[in-house]
Amino acid sequence: MNTAKYKLSTDDLDKTVNYLIEFLPFDYENHSPDMSVLASEAYYMRNGSTQLNMIIAKREAAYLLIDVMGSAGGRGPQNWDWGSEKSYLKKVKKVLDEYAKEFSLTLEELAAS
């Protein structure tokens, strides 16, 4: 599993989540006033694995905390994922960077816990 964590300088959860939904595919969504969970499943023929991709966005005071996870993309004794988990994290980071730039926000990468 590969993870990344971000702090976004807005508390507008709905606008941020709608932007993510516009640019990334999701099979599952669950929303509450202070948190949204977005998940998708991707099949990779090259190694016959299915990968779970998740984004959890949570409102905290005047900002959003966003956790991104790509997991179970590997297969075999060495659990090779051929970079699919990190690739998903990069794709989400690119969308978040574009969102932050478009709306003049600050996106800070935090240490993944």
C-alpha atoms as a PDB file:
ATOM      1  CA  MET A   1       0.000   0.000   0.000  1.00  0.00           C
ATOM      2  CA  ASN A   2       1.180   3.508  -0.831  1.00  0.00           C
ATOM      3  CA  THR A   3      -0.261   6.566   0.882  1.00  0.00           C
ATOM      4  CA  ALA A   4      -0.009  10.352   0.753  1.00  0.00           C
ATOM      5  CA  LYS A   5      -1.487  13.028   2.974  1.00  0.00           C
ATOM      6  CA  TYR A   6      -2.223  16.649   2.083  1.00  0.00           C
ATOM      7  CA  LYS A   7      -3.440  19.805   3.767  1.00  0.00           C
ATOM      8  CA  LEU A   8      -5.463  22.090   1.496  1.00  0.00           C
ATOM      9  CA  SER A   9      -6.086  25.722   2.489  1.00  0.00           C
ATOM     10  CA  THR A  10      -9.871  25.675   2.120  1.00  0.00           C
ATOM     11  CA  ASP A  11     -12.758  24.380   4.186  1.00  0.00           C
ATOM     12  CA  ASP A  12     -15.028  23.983   1.145  1.00  0.00           C
ATOM     13  CA  LEU A  13     -15.349  20.211   1.213  1.00  0.00           C
ATOM     14  CA  ASP A  14     -18.180  20.007  -1.328  1.00  0.00           C
ATOM     15  CA  LYS A  15     -16.387  22.077  -3.969  1.00  0.00           C
ATOM     16  CA  THR A  16     -13.148  20.111  -3.529  1.00  0.00           C
ATOM     17  CA  VAL A  17     -14.850  16.710  -3.682  1.00  0.00           C
ATOM     18  CA  ASN A  18     -16.892  17.709  -6.730  1.00  0.00           C
ATOM     19  CA  TYR A  19     -13.669  18.742  -8.475  1.00  0.00           C
ATOM     20  CA  LEU A  20     -12.073  15.370  -7.671  1.00  0.00           C
ATOM     21  CA  ILE A  21     -15.169  13.543  -8.939  1.00  0.00           C
ATOM     22  CA  GLU A  22     -15.042  15.536 -12.173  1.00  0.00           C
ATOM     23  CA  PHE A  23     -11.456  14.475 -12.971  1.00  0.00           C
ATOM     24  CA  LEU A  24     -11.123  11.038 -11.355  1.00  0.00           C
ATOM     25  CA  PRO A  25     -13.404   7.984 -11.611  1.00  0.00           C
ATOM     26  CA  PHE A  26     -14.989   6.572  -8.451  1.00  0.00           C
ATOM     27  CA  ASP A  27     -17.158   3.499  -7.913  1.00  0.00           C
ATOM     28  CA  TYR A  28     -18.142   4.400  -4.346  1.00  0.00           C
ATOM     29  CA  GLU A  29     -18.879   7.686  -2.592  1.00  0.00           C
ATOM     30  CA  ASN A  30     -19.964   8.385   0.976  1.00  0.00           C
ATOM     31  CA  HIS A  31     -20.436  11.975   2.136  1.00  0.00           C
ATOM     32  CA  SER A  32     -21.180  13.656   5.444  1.00  0.00           C
ATOM     33  CA  PRO A  33     -21.013  17.351   6.354  1.00  0.00           C
ATOM     34  CA  ASP A  34     -17.364  17.077   7.487  1.00  0.00           C
ATOM     35  CA  MET A  35     -15.945  14.117   5.560  1.00  0.00           C
ATOM     36  CA  SER A  36     -16.117  12.348   2.203  1.00  0.00           C
ATOM     37  CA  VAL A  37     -14.851   8.912   1.246  1.00  0.00           C
ATOM     38  CA  LEU A  38     -14.228   8.167  -2.444  1.00  0.00           C
ATOM     39  CA  ALA A  39     -13.135   4.747  -3.679  1.00  0.00           C
ATOM     40  CA  SER A  40     -12.490   3.040  -6.977  1.00  0.00           C
ATOM     41  CA  GLU A  41     -11.236  -0.326  -8.113  1.00  0.00           C
ATOM     42  CA  ALA A  42      -8.830  -0.798 -11.007  1.00  0.00           C
ATOM     43  CA  TYR A  43      -7.879  -4.067 -12.706  1.00  0.00           C
ATOM     44  CA  TYR A  44      -4.363  -4.425 -14.124  1.00  0.00           C
ATOM     45  CA  MET A  45      -4.026  -7.109 -16.761  1.00  0.00           C
ATOM     46  CA  ARG A  46      -0.218  -6.991 -16.797  1.00  0.00           C
ATOM     47  CA  ASN A  47      -0.060  -8.708 -13.409  1.00  0.00           C
ATOM     48  CA  GLY A  48      -3.659  -9.891 -12.949  1.00  0.00           C
ATOM     49  CA  SER A  49      -4.292  -7.767  -9.851  1.00  0.00           C
ATOM     50  CA  THR A  50      -7.089  -5.544  -8.673  1.00  0.00           C
ATOM     51  CA  GLN A  51      -6.176  -2.331  -6.893  1.00  0.00           C
ATOM     52  CA  LEU A  52      -8.270  -0.344  -4.424  1.00  0.00           C
ATOM     53  CA  ASN A  53      -7.835   3.429  -4.684  1.00  0.00           C
ATOM     54  CA  MET A  54      -9.259   5.676  -1.971  1.00  0.00           C
ATOM     55  CA  ILE A  55      -9.431   9.339  -1.097  1.00  0.00           C
ATOM     56  CA  ILE A  56     -10.650  10.509   2.295  1.00  0.00           C
ATOM     57  CA  ALA A  57     -11.220  14.256   2.639  1.00  0.00           C
ATOM     58  CA  LYS A  58     -11.942  15.641   6.102  1.00  0.00           C
ATOM     59  CA  ARG A  59     -12.756  19.198   7.136  1.00  0.00           C
ATOM     60  CA  GLU A  60     -10.581  20.475   9.992  1.00  0.00           C
ATOM     61  CA  ALA A  61     -11.096  24.082  11.114  1.00  0.00           C
ATOM     62  CA  ALA A  62     -10.220  26.266   8.095  1.00  0.00           C
ATOM     63  CA  TYR A  63      -8.609  23.590   5.936  1.00  0.00           C
ATOM     64  CA  LEU A  64      -9.077  20.090   4.510  1.00  0.00           C
ATOM     65  CA  LEU A  65      -6.994  17.032   5.288  1.00  0.00           C
ATOM     66  CA  ILE A  66      -6.860  14.675   2.330  1.00  0.00           C
ATOM     67  CA  ASP A  67      -5.606  11.096   2.586  1.00  0.00           C
ATOM     68  CA  VAL A  68      -4.882   9.220  -0.646  1.00  0.00           C
ATOM     69  CA  MET A  69      -4.305   5.459  -0.783  1.00  0.00           C
ATOM     70  CA  GLY A  70      -3.447   3.021  -3.530  1.00  0.00           C
ATOM     71  CA  SER A  71      -3.441  -0.545  -2.234  1.00  0.00           C
ATOM     72  CA  ALA A  72      -3.435  -4.201  -3.269  1.00  0.00           C
ATOM     73  CA  GLY A  73      -2.013  -3.476  -6.712  1.00  0.00           C
ATOM     74  CA  GLY A  74       0.732  -6.075  -6.320  1.00  0.00           C
ATOM     75  CA  ARG A  75       0.823  -9.743  -7.176  1.00  0.00           C
ATOM     76  CA  GLY A  76       3.117 -12.680  -6.575  1.00  0.00           C
ATOM     77  CA  PRO A  77       5.758 -13.476  -3.928  1.00  0.00           C
ATOM     78  CA  GLN A  78       7.438 -10.064  -4.319  1.00  0.00           C
ATOM     79  CA  ASN A  79       4.074  -8.279  -4.454  1.00  0.00           C
ATOM     80  CA  TRP A  80       5.054  -6.416  -7.650  1.00  0.00           C
ATOM     81  CA  ASP A  81       2.634  -3.662  -8.488  1.00  0.00           C
ATOM     82  CA  TRP A  82       4.651  -2.311 -11.459  1.00  0.00           C
ATOM     83  CA  GLY A  83       4.252   1.174  -9.992  1.00  0.00           C
ATOM     84  CA  SER A  84       0.453   1.261 -10.161  1.00  0.00           C
ATOM     85  CA  GLU A  85      -0.002   2.331  -6.535  1.00  0.00           C
ATOM     86  CA  LYS A  86       2.472   5.230  -6.805  1.00  0.00           C
ATOM     87  CA  SER A  87       1.023   6.120 -10.202  1.00  0.00           C
ATOM     88  CA  TYR A  88      -2.408   6.601  -8.626  1.00  0.00           C
ATOM     89  CA  LEU A  89      -0.937   8.863  -5.936  1.00  0.00           C
ATOM     90  CA  LYS A  90       0.787  10.959  -8.620  1.00  0.00           C
ATOM     91  CA  LYS A  91      -2.451  11.247 -10.602  1.00  0.00           C
ATOM     92  CA  VAL A  92      -4.373  12.505  -7.553  1.00  0.00           C
ATOM     93  CA  LYS A  93      -1.544  14.906  -6.646  1.00  0.00           C
ATOM     94  CA  LYS A  94      -1.690  16.371 -10.156  1.00  0.00           C
ATOM     95  CA  VAL A  95      -5.460  16.945  -9.875  1.00  0.00           C
ATOM     96  CA  LEU A  96      -5.038  18.523  -6.420  1.00  0.00           C
ATOM     97  CA  ASP A  97      -2.206  20.767  -7.711  1.00  0.00           C
ATOM     98  CA  GLU A  98      -4.408  21.945 -10.586  1.00  0.00           C
ATOM     99  CA  TYR A  99      -7.301  22.602  -8.198  1.00  0.00           C
ATOM    100  CA  ALA A 100      -5.077  24.578  -5.817  1.00  0.00           C
ATOM    101  CA  LYS A 101      -3.649  26.620  -8.692  1.00  0.00           C
ATOM    102  CA  GLU A 102      -7.065  27.312 -10.242  1.00  0.00           C
ATOM    103  CA  PHE A 103      -8.544  28.588  -6.970  1.00  0.00           C
ATOM    104  CA  SER A 104      -5.359  30.191  -5.494  1.00  0.00           C
ATOM    105  CA  LEU A 105      -5.084  27.704  -2.634  1.00  0.00           C
ATOM    106  CA  THR A 106      -2.080  26.234  -0.861  1.00  0.00           C
ATOM    107  CA  LEU A 107      -1.535  22.481  -1.035  1.00  0.00           C
ATOM    108  CA  GLU A 108       0.910  21.122   1.524  1.00  0.00           C
ATOM    109  CA  GLU A 109       2.131  17.534   1.497  1.00  0.00           C
ATOM    110  CA  LEU A 110       2.251  16.098   5.008  1.00  0.00           C
ATOM    111  CA  ALA A 111       4.200  13.125   6.275  1.00  0.00           C
ATOM    112  CA  ALA A 112       2.086  10.007   5.690  1.00  0.00           C
ATOM    113  CA  SER A 113       1.272   8.292   8.943  1.00  0.00           C
END
